[in-house]
Amino acid sequence: MVILIAGLVVFLGVHTLTTLREPRAALIGRLGDRGYRNLYSLVATIGLVLIVWGFALYRQHDYLQVWRPPAWLHPIAFGLMWFSFVALAAAYAPSGRIKGALRHPMLVGVKSWALAHLLVNGDLGAFLLFGAFILWAGYDRVMLRLRDDFGAPAADRFTRGDAIALAVGTLAWFAMFWLHPWLIGLPIS
């Protein structure tokens, strides 16, 4: 569990740095934009590796079931996951109604991904992992509001960006049914 916690601290810590404008600007001033981005990517990757490794170790050795999620939560989680994939795709798609309505689609996608997993996993490690991501995304959203960053502008009609977000998000959602057992080691049930 220590490795999982360390990974969360490193990964979410470096992502929190983007909200701390003065320390971030000082680092960019010392390292340059490219140096900052390279260091940021390296630290985030190390954090992600620690999270994956730590969660795998937790599941093998320290697994602790806290509650048994009822089966009726699974369809809700499936719907949240589809929404999460569409939101994540919208974050990188051209502007559209979806992106404008969500304002910060990446954060919305992360929150819905984490919530979906909290609904269907009743173990301590899942609470820690997915709960940490929900808390971080909530914090980041608050920090954006404090900076008056209202996100993507709303579009008045369905756009090419919306079509891309829906298509890519839906394809990724279907792909995850096949990839989840291979990538994560657990089938989606």
Protein backbone atom coordinates (compact mmCIF):
# COMPACT_ATOMS: atom_id res chain seq x y z
CA MET A 1 0.00 0.00 0.00
CA VAL A 2 2.97 2.31 0.63
CA ILE A 3 4.00 2.18 -3.05
CA LEU A 4 0.44 2.98 -4.14
CA ILE A 5 0.29 5.96 -1.79
CA ALA A 6 3.72 7.16 -2.94
CA GLY A 7 2.58 6.92 -6.55
CA LEU A 8 -0.56 8.92 -5.83
CA VAL A 9 1.46 11.59 -4.02
CA VAL A 10 3.94 11.86 -6.90
CA PHE A 11 1.40 11.71 -9.76
CA LEU A 12 -1.27 13.94 -8.23
CA GLY A 13 1.37 16.15 -6.66
CA VAL A 14 2.96 17.03 -9.99
CA HIS A 15 -0.51 17.60 -11.45
CA THR A 16 -1.32 19.88 -8.51
CA LEU A 17 1.79 21.93 -9.32
CA THR A 18 -0.03 23.34 -12.36
CA THR A 19 -2.50 25.02 -9.99
CA LEU A 20 0.29 26.67 -8.00
CA ARG A 21 1.06 29.41 -10.48
CA GLU A 22 4.01 31.11 -8.78
CA PRO A 23 6.08 27.95 -8.06
CA ARG A 24 5.22 26.68 -11.56
CA ALA A 25 6.34 29.95 -13.15
CA ALA A 26 9.58 29.86 -11.12
CA LEU A 27 10.32 26.33 -12.35
CA ILE A 28 9.62 27.31 -15.94
CA GLY A 29 11.93 30.31 -15.46
CA ARG A 30 14.75 28.06 -14.22
CA LEU A 31 14.25 25.10 -16.56
CA GLY A 32 12.69 26.75 -19.59
CA ASP A 33 9.37 25.63 -21.04
CA ARG A 34 10.79 22.50 -22.66
CA GLY A 35 12.78 21.52 -19.57
CA TYR A 36 9.72 22.02 -17.37
CA ARG A 37 7.55 19.89 -19.67
CA ASN A 38 10.16 17.14 -19.82
CA LEU A 39 10.59 17.06 -16.03
CA TYR A 40 6.81 17.21 -15.52
CA SER A 41 6.33 14.26 -17.91
CA LEU A 42 9.08 12.25 -16.24
CA VAL A 43 7.72 12.79 -12.73
CA ALA A 44 4.13 12.06 -13.84
CA THR A 45 5.28 8.86 -15.54
CA ILE A 46 7.16 7.75 -12.42
CA GLY A 47 4.04 8.44 -10.36
CA LEU A 48 1.84 6.48 -12.77
CA VAL A 49 4.23 3.50 -12.72
CA LEU A 50 4.24 3.57 -8.92
CA ILE A 51 0.42 3.68 -8.85
CA VAL A 52 0.09 0.70 -11.20
CA TRP A 53 2.80 -1.29 -9.42
CA GLY A 54 1.51 -0.36 -5.95
CA PHE A 55 -2.09 -1.24 -6.81
CA ALA A 56 -0.99 -4.61 -8.24
CA LEU A 57 0.98 -5.37 -5.06
CA TYR A 58 -1.97 -4.29 -2.92
CA ARG A 59 -4.34 -6.61 -4.83
CA GLN A 60 -1.89 -9.52 -4.43
CA HIS A 61 -0.95 -9.09 -0.77
CA ASP A 62 -3.02 -6.54 1.14
CA TYR A 63 -6.49 -6.73 -0.44
CA LEU A 64 -9.17 -5.72 2.04
CA GLN A 65 -12.86 -5.88 1.10
CA VAL A 66 -14.80 -3.14 2.89
CA TRP A 67 -18.24 -3.68 1.35
CA ARG A 68 -19.93 -5.68 -1.40
CA PRO A 69 -21.28 -3.36 -4.09
CA PRO A 70 -24.75 -4.44 -5.26
CA ALA A 71 -25.09 -5.71 -8.83
CA TRP A 72 -27.52 -2.91 -9.75
CA LEU A 73 -24.62 -0.41 -9.58
CA HIS A 74 -22.84 -2.04 -12.54
CA PRO A 75 -25.10 -0.59 -15.27
CA ILE A 76 -24.71 2.84 -13.66
CA ALA A 77 -20.93 2.41 -13.71
CA PHE A 78 -21.06 1.36 -17.38
CA GLY A 79 -22.99 4.53 -18.22
CA LEU A 80 -20.58 6.68 -16.22
CA MET A 81 -17.65 5.08 -18.01
CA TRP A 82 -19.15 5.82 -21.43
CA PHE A 83 -19.69 9.43 -20.32
CA SER A 84 -16.11 9.53 -19.02
CA PHE A 85 -14.67 8.37 -22.35
CA VAL A 86 -16.76 10.90 -24.28
CA ALA A 87 -15.66 13.68 -21.90
CA LEU A 88 -11.99 12.69 -22.22
CA ALA A 89 -12.30 12.62 -26.01
CA ALA A 90 -14.02 16.03 -25.93
CA ALA A 91 -11.02 17.45 -24.05
CA TYR A 92 -8.88 16.87 -27.14
CA ALA A 93 -11.51 17.35 -29.85
CA PRO A 94 -12.24 20.69 -31.51
CA SER A 95 -14.73 22.92 -29.68
CA GLY A 96 -18.35 21.88 -29.59
CA ARG A 97 -21.43 21.69 -27.43
CA ILE A 98 -20.06 18.84 -25.32
CA LYS A 99 -16.79 20.61 -24.59
CA GLY A 100 -18.58 23.88 -23.87
CA ALA A 101 -21.18 22.27 -21.61
CA LEU A 102 -18.54 20.44 -19.58
CA ARG A 103 -16.17 23.44 -19.59
CA HIS A 104 -13.26 21.31 -18.39
CA PRO A 105 -14.01 17.92 -19.93
CA MET A 106 -10.78 16.27 -18.76
CA LEU A 107 -11.65 16.90 -15.11
CA VAL A 108 -15.24 15.78 -15.66
CA GLY A 109 -13.96 12.63 -17.35
CA VAL A 110 -11.57 11.86 -14.49
CA LYS A 111 -14.29 12.39 -11.88
CA SER A 112 -16.82 10.18 -13.69
CA TRP A 113 -14.14 7.49 -14.29
CA ALA A 114 -13.23 7.48 -10.59
CA LEU A 115 -16.86 7.52 -9.42
CA ALA A 116 -17.76 4.61 -11.72
CA HIS A 117 -14.93 2.57 -10.23
CA LEU A 118 -15.85 3.51 -6.66
CA LEU A 119 -19.40 2.30 -7.25
CA VAL A 120 -18.35 -1.21 -8.25
CA ASN A 121 -15.22 -1.77 -6.16
CA GLY A 122 -15.70 -2.10 -2.44
CA ASP A 123 -12.11 -2.57 -1.35
CA LEU A 124 -9.79 -0.27 0.57
CA GLY A 125 -7.29 0.16 -2.27
CA ALA A 126 -10.04 1.21 -4.67
CA PHE A 127 -11.32 3.76 -2.15
CA LEU A 128 -7.83 5.15 -1.83
CA LEU A 129 -7.01 5.15 -5.56
CA PHE A 130 -10.27 6.38 -7.03
CA GLY A 131 -11.12 8.58 -4.05
CA ALA A 132 -7.78 10.38 -4.43
CA PHE A 133 -8.53 11.09 -8.10
CA ILE A 134 -12.00 12.46 -7.28
CA LEU A 135 -10.58 14.71 -4.57
CA TRP A 136 -7.78 15.93 -6.83
CA ALA A 137 -10.15 16.66 -9.73
CA GLY A 138 -12.49 18.52 -7.38
CA TYR A 139 -9.58 20.56 -6.03
CA ASP A 140 -8.37 21.36 -9.54
CA ARG A 141 -11.84 22.48 -10.58
CA VAL A 142 -12.04 24.82 -7.59
CA MET A 143 -8.62 26.27 -8.43
CA LEU A 144 -9.73 26.89 -12.03
CA ARG A 145 -12.77 28.79 -10.77
CA LEU A 146 -10.61 30.87 -8.44
CA ARG A 147 -8.50 31.86 -11.46
CA ASP A 148 -11.68 32.71 -13.38
CA ASP A 149 -10.89 29.98 -15.91
CA PHE A 150 -14.36 29.10 -17.13
CA GLY A 151 -13.10 26.57 -19.65
CA ALA A 152 -14.20 25.96 -23.19
CA PRO A 153 -16.79 28.33 -24.65
CA ALA A 154 -20.21 26.91 -25.38
CA ALA A 155 -21.09 26.21 -29.00
CA ASP A 156 -24.58 27.00 -30.21
CA ARG A 157 -24.85 23.90 -32.39
CA PHE A 158 -23.60 20.33 -32.79
CA THR A 159 -20.12 20.51 -34.33
CA ARG A 160 -17.46 18.27 -35.83
CA GLY A 161 -15.83 18.29 -32.37
CA ASP A 162 -18.98 16.79 -30.86
CA ALA A 163 -19.07 14.06 -33.51
CA ILE A 164 -15.39 13.28 -32.85
CA ALA A 165 -15.90 13.18 -29.07
CA LEU A 166 -18.91 10.88 -29.37
CA ALA A 167 -17.27 8.57 -31.92
CA VAL A 168 -13.87 8.32 -30.23
CA GLY A 169 -15.37 8.10 -26.73
CA THR A 170 -17.80 5.37 -27.74
CA LEU A 171 -15.12 3.38 -29.58
CA ALA A 172 -12.79 3.66 -26.57
CA TRP A 173 -15.62 2.54 -24.26
CA PHE A 174 -16.25 -0.57 -26.36
CA ALA A 175 -12.52 -1.25 -26.64
CA MET A 176 -12.17 -1.16 -22.87
CA PHE A 177 -14.41 -4.23 -22.53
CA TRP A 178 -11.73 -6.14 -24.43
CA LEU A 179 -8.68 -4.27 -23.09
CA HIS A 180 -9.57 -4.12 -19.37
CA PRO A 181 -8.74 -7.77 -18.62
CA TRP A 182 -5.50 -7.50 -20.59
CA LEU A 183 -4.36 -4.10 -19.22
CA ILE A 184 -5.78 -4.25 -15.70
CA GLY A 185 -5.96 -8.01 -15.13
CA LEU A 186 -9.64 -7.98 -14.23
CA PRO A 187 -12.63 -8.57 -16.47
CA ILE A 188 -15.40 -6.00 -16.55
CA SER A 189 -18.41 -7.53 -14.87
